[in-house]
Amino acid sequence: QVQVEESGGGLVQAGESLRLSCSASGRTFSPYAMGWFRQAPGKEREFVAHIRWSGDTNYADSVKGRFSMSREKVRNTVYLQMNSLKPEDTAVYYCHADRAGTAQRYWGQGTQVTVSS
């Protein structure tokens, strides 16, 4: 069993910053990549960013230059630093963890990010 837990969401004003954290735990779990999607009310879930355990990162065009991901390999933990937040960043942010050598993806419960104008 793999558990994925997010934290760090909250309410901020436009232009401010937040840092989300996500940890994956489970006996013998070894990640290939971890990342973030988000879902705003009435919209489909969309890709935000992900990081491979090699360190390679990818970002959605809408967050490039504002968001950045980092990882702590020993803790199976990733961070999403979100700067210059905009009201359109308001969404529930979901973290996923991908098991190395498989197609298995595990999801967290999500954390709410609300950006007021």
C-alpha atoms as a PDB file:
ATOM      1  CA  GLN A   1       0.000   0.000   0.000  1.00  0.00           C
ATOM      2  CA  VAL A   2       1.315   3.431  -0.992  1.00  0.00           C
ATOM      3  CA  GLN A   3       0.096   6.573   0.698  1.00  0.00           C
ATOM      4  CA  VAL A   4       0.443   9.988  -0.860  1.00  0.00           C
ATOM      5  CA  GLU A   5      -0.107  12.996   1.362  1.00  0.00           C
ATOM      6  CA  GLU A   6      -0.193  16.645   0.372  1.00  0.00           C
ATOM      7  CA  SER A   7       0.056  19.686   2.596  1.00  0.00           C
ATOM      8  CA  GLY A   8       0.594  23.406   2.353  1.00  0.00           C
ATOM      9  CA  GLY A   9      -2.532  24.673   0.674  1.00  0.00           C
ATOM     10  CA  GLY A  10      -4.344  27.756   1.848  1.00  0.00           C
ATOM     11  CA  LEU A  11      -5.762  31.153   1.056  1.00  0.00           C
ATOM     12  CA  VAL A  12      -3.455  33.860  -0.264  1.00  0.00           C
ATOM     13  CA  GLN A  13      -3.752  37.102  -2.182  1.00  0.00           C
ATOM     14  CA  ALA A  14      -2.712  37.524  -5.784  1.00  0.00           C
ATOM     15  CA  GLY A  15       1.035  37.974  -6.101  1.00  0.00           C
ATOM     16  CA  GLU A  16       1.834  35.985  -2.979  1.00  0.00           C
ATOM     17  CA  SER A  17       3.526  32.613  -2.685  1.00  0.00           C
ATOM     18  CA  LEU A  18       2.749  29.169  -1.312  1.00  0.00           C
ATOM     19  CA  ARG A  19       4.740  25.977  -1.048  1.00  0.00           C
ATOM     20  CA  LEU A  20       3.016  22.629  -1.340  1.00  0.00           C
ATOM     21  CA  SER A  21       4.578  19.453  -0.031  1.00  0.00           C
ATOM     22  CA  CYS A  22       3.859  15.879  -0.984  1.00  0.00           C
ATOM     23  CA  SER A  23       5.210  12.700   0.540  1.00  0.00           C
ATOM     24  CA  ALA A  24       4.825   9.139  -0.664  1.00  0.00           C
ATOM     25  CA  SER A  25       5.219   6.281   1.755  1.00  0.00           C
ATOM     26  CA  GLY A  26       4.945   2.547   1.540  1.00  0.00           C
ATOM     27  CA  ARG A  27       7.033  -0.475   2.124  1.00  0.00           C
ATOM     28  CA  THR A  28       9.502  -0.911  -0.754  1.00  0.00           C
ATOM     29  CA  PHE A  29       8.021   2.039  -2.655  1.00  0.00           C
ATOM     30  CA  SER A  30      10.560   3.540  -5.021  1.00  0.00           C
ATOM     31  CA  PRO A  31       9.411   6.503  -7.104  1.00  0.00           C
ATOM     32  CA  TYR A  32      10.149   7.123 -10.750  1.00  0.00           C
ATOM     33  CA  ALA A  33       8.471  10.498 -10.705  1.00  0.00           C
ATOM     34  CA  MET A  34       6.105  12.619  -8.666  1.00  0.00           C
ATOM     35  CA  GLY A  35       4.024  15.522  -9.742  1.00  0.00           C
ATOM     36  CA  TRP A  36       0.999  17.751  -9.467  1.00  0.00           C
ATOM     37  CA  PHE A  37      -2.287  18.172 -11.230  1.00  0.00           C
ATOM     38  CA  ARG A  38      -5.000  20.633 -10.314  1.00  0.00           C
ATOM     39  CA  GLN A  39      -8.735  20.900 -10.739  1.00  0.00           C
ATOM     40  CA  ALA A  40     -10.698  24.108 -10.585  1.00  0.00           C
ATOM     41  CA  PRO A  41     -14.484  24.122 -10.033  1.00  0.00           C
ATOM     42  CA  GLY A  42     -16.288  23.105 -13.189  1.00  0.00           C
ATOM     43  CA  LYS A  43     -13.085  22.243 -15.018  1.00  0.00           C
ATOM     44  CA  GLU A  44     -11.196  19.084 -15.799  1.00  0.00           C
ATOM     45  CA  ARG A  45      -8.110  18.071 -13.917  1.00  0.00           C
ATOM     46  CA  GLU A  46      -5.038  19.511 -15.616  1.00  0.00           C
ATOM     47  CA  PHE A  47      -1.307  18.889 -15.481  1.00  0.00           C
ATOM     48  CA  VAL A  48       0.765  21.373 -13.488  1.00  0.00           C
ATOM     49  CA  ALA A  49       4.273  19.966 -13.071  1.00  0.00           C
ATOM     50  CA  HIS A  50       6.260  16.843 -12.421  1.00  0.00           C
ATOM     51  CA  ILE A  51       9.768  15.826 -11.509  1.00  0.00           C
ATOM     52  CA  ARG A  52      11.572  12.623 -12.347  1.00  0.00           C
ATOM     53  CA  TRP A  53      13.803  11.177  -9.697  1.00  0.00           C
ATOM     54  CA  SER A  54      16.718  11.999 -11.987  1.00  0.00           C
ATOM     55  CA  GLY A  55      15.850  15.639 -11.406  1.00  0.00           C
ATOM     56  CA  ASP A  56      14.278  16.450 -14.765  1.00  0.00           C
ATOM     57  CA  THR A  57      11.244  18.684 -14.482  1.00  0.00           C
ATOM     58  CA  ASN A  58       8.340  19.631 -16.716  1.00  0.00           C
ATOM     59  CA  TYR A  59       5.821  22.405 -16.258  1.00  0.00           C
ATOM     60  CA  ALA A  60       2.562  23.462 -17.816  1.00  0.00           C
ATOM     61  CA  ASP A  61       2.903  26.604 -19.891  1.00  0.00           C
ATOM     62  CA  SER A  62       0.514  28.409 -17.544  1.00  0.00           C
ATOM     63  CA  VAL A  63       2.902  28.052 -14.589  1.00  0.00           C
ATOM     64  CA  LYS A  64       6.334  28.210 -16.241  1.00  0.00           C
ATOM     65  CA  GLY A  65       8.516  30.846 -14.632  1.00  0.00           C
ATOM     66  CA  ARG A  66       6.264  31.024 -11.555  1.00  0.00           C
ATOM     67  CA  PHE A  67       6.208  27.471 -10.167  1.00  0.00           C
ATOM     68  CA  SER A  68       9.138  25.218  -9.466  1.00  0.00           C
ATOM     69  CA  MET A  69       9.492  21.674  -8.187  1.00  0.00           C
ATOM     70  CA  SER A  70      12.177  20.125  -6.059  1.00  0.00           C
ATOM     71  CA  ARG A  71      12.573  16.779  -4.340  1.00  0.00           C
ATOM     72  CA  GLU A  72      14.078  15.133  -1.294  1.00  0.00           C
ATOM     73  CA  LYS A  73      14.930  11.660  -2.490  1.00  0.00           C
ATOM     74  CA  VAL A  74      15.590  10.214   0.947  1.00  0.00           C
ATOM     75  CA  ARG A  75      12.135  11.228   2.154  1.00  0.00           C
ATOM     76  CA  ASN A  76      10.231  10.502  -1.085  1.00  0.00           C
ATOM     77  CA  THR A  77       9.025  14.062  -0.817  1.00  0.00           C
ATOM     78  CA  VAL A  78       8.502  16.742  -3.417  1.00  0.00           C
ATOM     79  CA  TYR A  79       7.756  20.418  -3.139  1.00  0.00           C
ATOM     80  CA  LEU A  80       5.899  22.779  -5.410  1.00  0.00           C
ATOM     81  CA  GLN A  81       6.987  26.366  -4.872  1.00  0.00           C
ATOM     82  CA  MET A  82       4.314  28.641  -6.275  1.00  0.00           C
ATOM     83  CA  ASN A  83       5.199  32.298  -6.728  1.00  0.00           C
ATOM     84  CA  SER A  84       3.303  35.226  -8.198  1.00  0.00           C
ATOM     85  CA  LEU A  85       0.039  33.404  -7.677  1.00  0.00           C
ATOM     86  CA  LYS A  86      -2.976  34.445  -9.719  1.00  0.00           C
ATOM     87  CA  PRO A  87      -6.700  33.980  -9.066  1.00  0.00           C
ATOM     88  CA  GLU A  88      -6.755  31.499 -11.959  1.00  0.00           C
ATOM     89  CA  ASP A  89      -4.400  29.269  -9.953  1.00  0.00           C
ATOM     90  CA  THR A  90      -7.258  28.602  -7.556  1.00  0.00           C
ATOM     91  CA  ALA A  91      -7.918  24.871  -7.546  1.00  0.00           C
ATOM     92  CA  VAL A  92      -7.548  21.666  -5.620  1.00  0.00           C
ATOM     93  CA  TYR A  93      -3.990  20.478  -6.165  1.00  0.00           C
ATOM     94  CA  TYR A  94      -3.453  16.736  -6.366  1.00  0.00           C
ATOM     95  CA  CYS A  95      -0.114  15.054  -5.988  1.00  0.00           C
ATOM     96  CA  HIS A  96       0.769  11.770  -7.671  1.00  0.00           C
ATOM     97  CA  ALA A  97       3.607   9.334  -7.205  1.00  0.00           C
ATOM     98  CA  ASP A  98       4.662   6.900  -9.900  1.00  0.00           C
ATOM     99  CA  ARG A  99       6.279   3.621  -8.945  1.00  0.00           C
ATOM    100  CA  ALA A 100       9.548   2.910 -10.709  1.00  0.00           C
ATOM    101  CA  GLY A 101       9.471   0.137 -13.272  1.00  0.00           C
ATOM    102  CA  THR A 102       5.685   0.020 -13.471  1.00  0.00           C
ATOM    103  CA  ALA A 103       2.729   2.010 -14.755  1.00  0.00           C
ATOM    104  CA  GLN A 104       1.322   2.374 -11.253  1.00  0.00           C
ATOM    105  CA  ARG A 105       0.330   5.860 -10.202  1.00  0.00           C
ATOM    106  CA  TYR A 106      -0.889   6.772  -6.744  1.00  0.00           C
ATOM    107  CA  TRP A 107      -2.846   9.888  -5.875  1.00  0.00           C
ATOM    108  CA  GLY A 108      -3.242  12.010  -2.812  1.00  0.00           C
ATOM    109  CA  GLN A 109      -6.510  13.439  -1.553  1.00  0.00           C
ATOM    110  CA  GLY A 110      -5.746  16.954  -2.706  1.00  0.00           C
ATOM    111  CA  THR A 111      -5.108  20.283  -1.041  1.00  0.00           C
ATOM    112  CA  GLN A 112      -7.053  23.474  -1.705  1.00  0.00           C
ATOM    113  CA  VAL A 113      -5.276  26.551  -2.989  1.00  0.00           C
ATOM    114  CA  THR A 114      -7.322  29.732  -3.157  1.00  0.00           C
ATOM    115  CA  VAL A 115      -5.934  32.964  -4.566  1.00  0.00           C
ATOM    116  CA  SER A 116      -7.986  36.089  -4.013  1.00  0.00           C
ATOM    117  CA  SER A 117      -7.757  39.125  -6.254  1.00  0.00           C
END
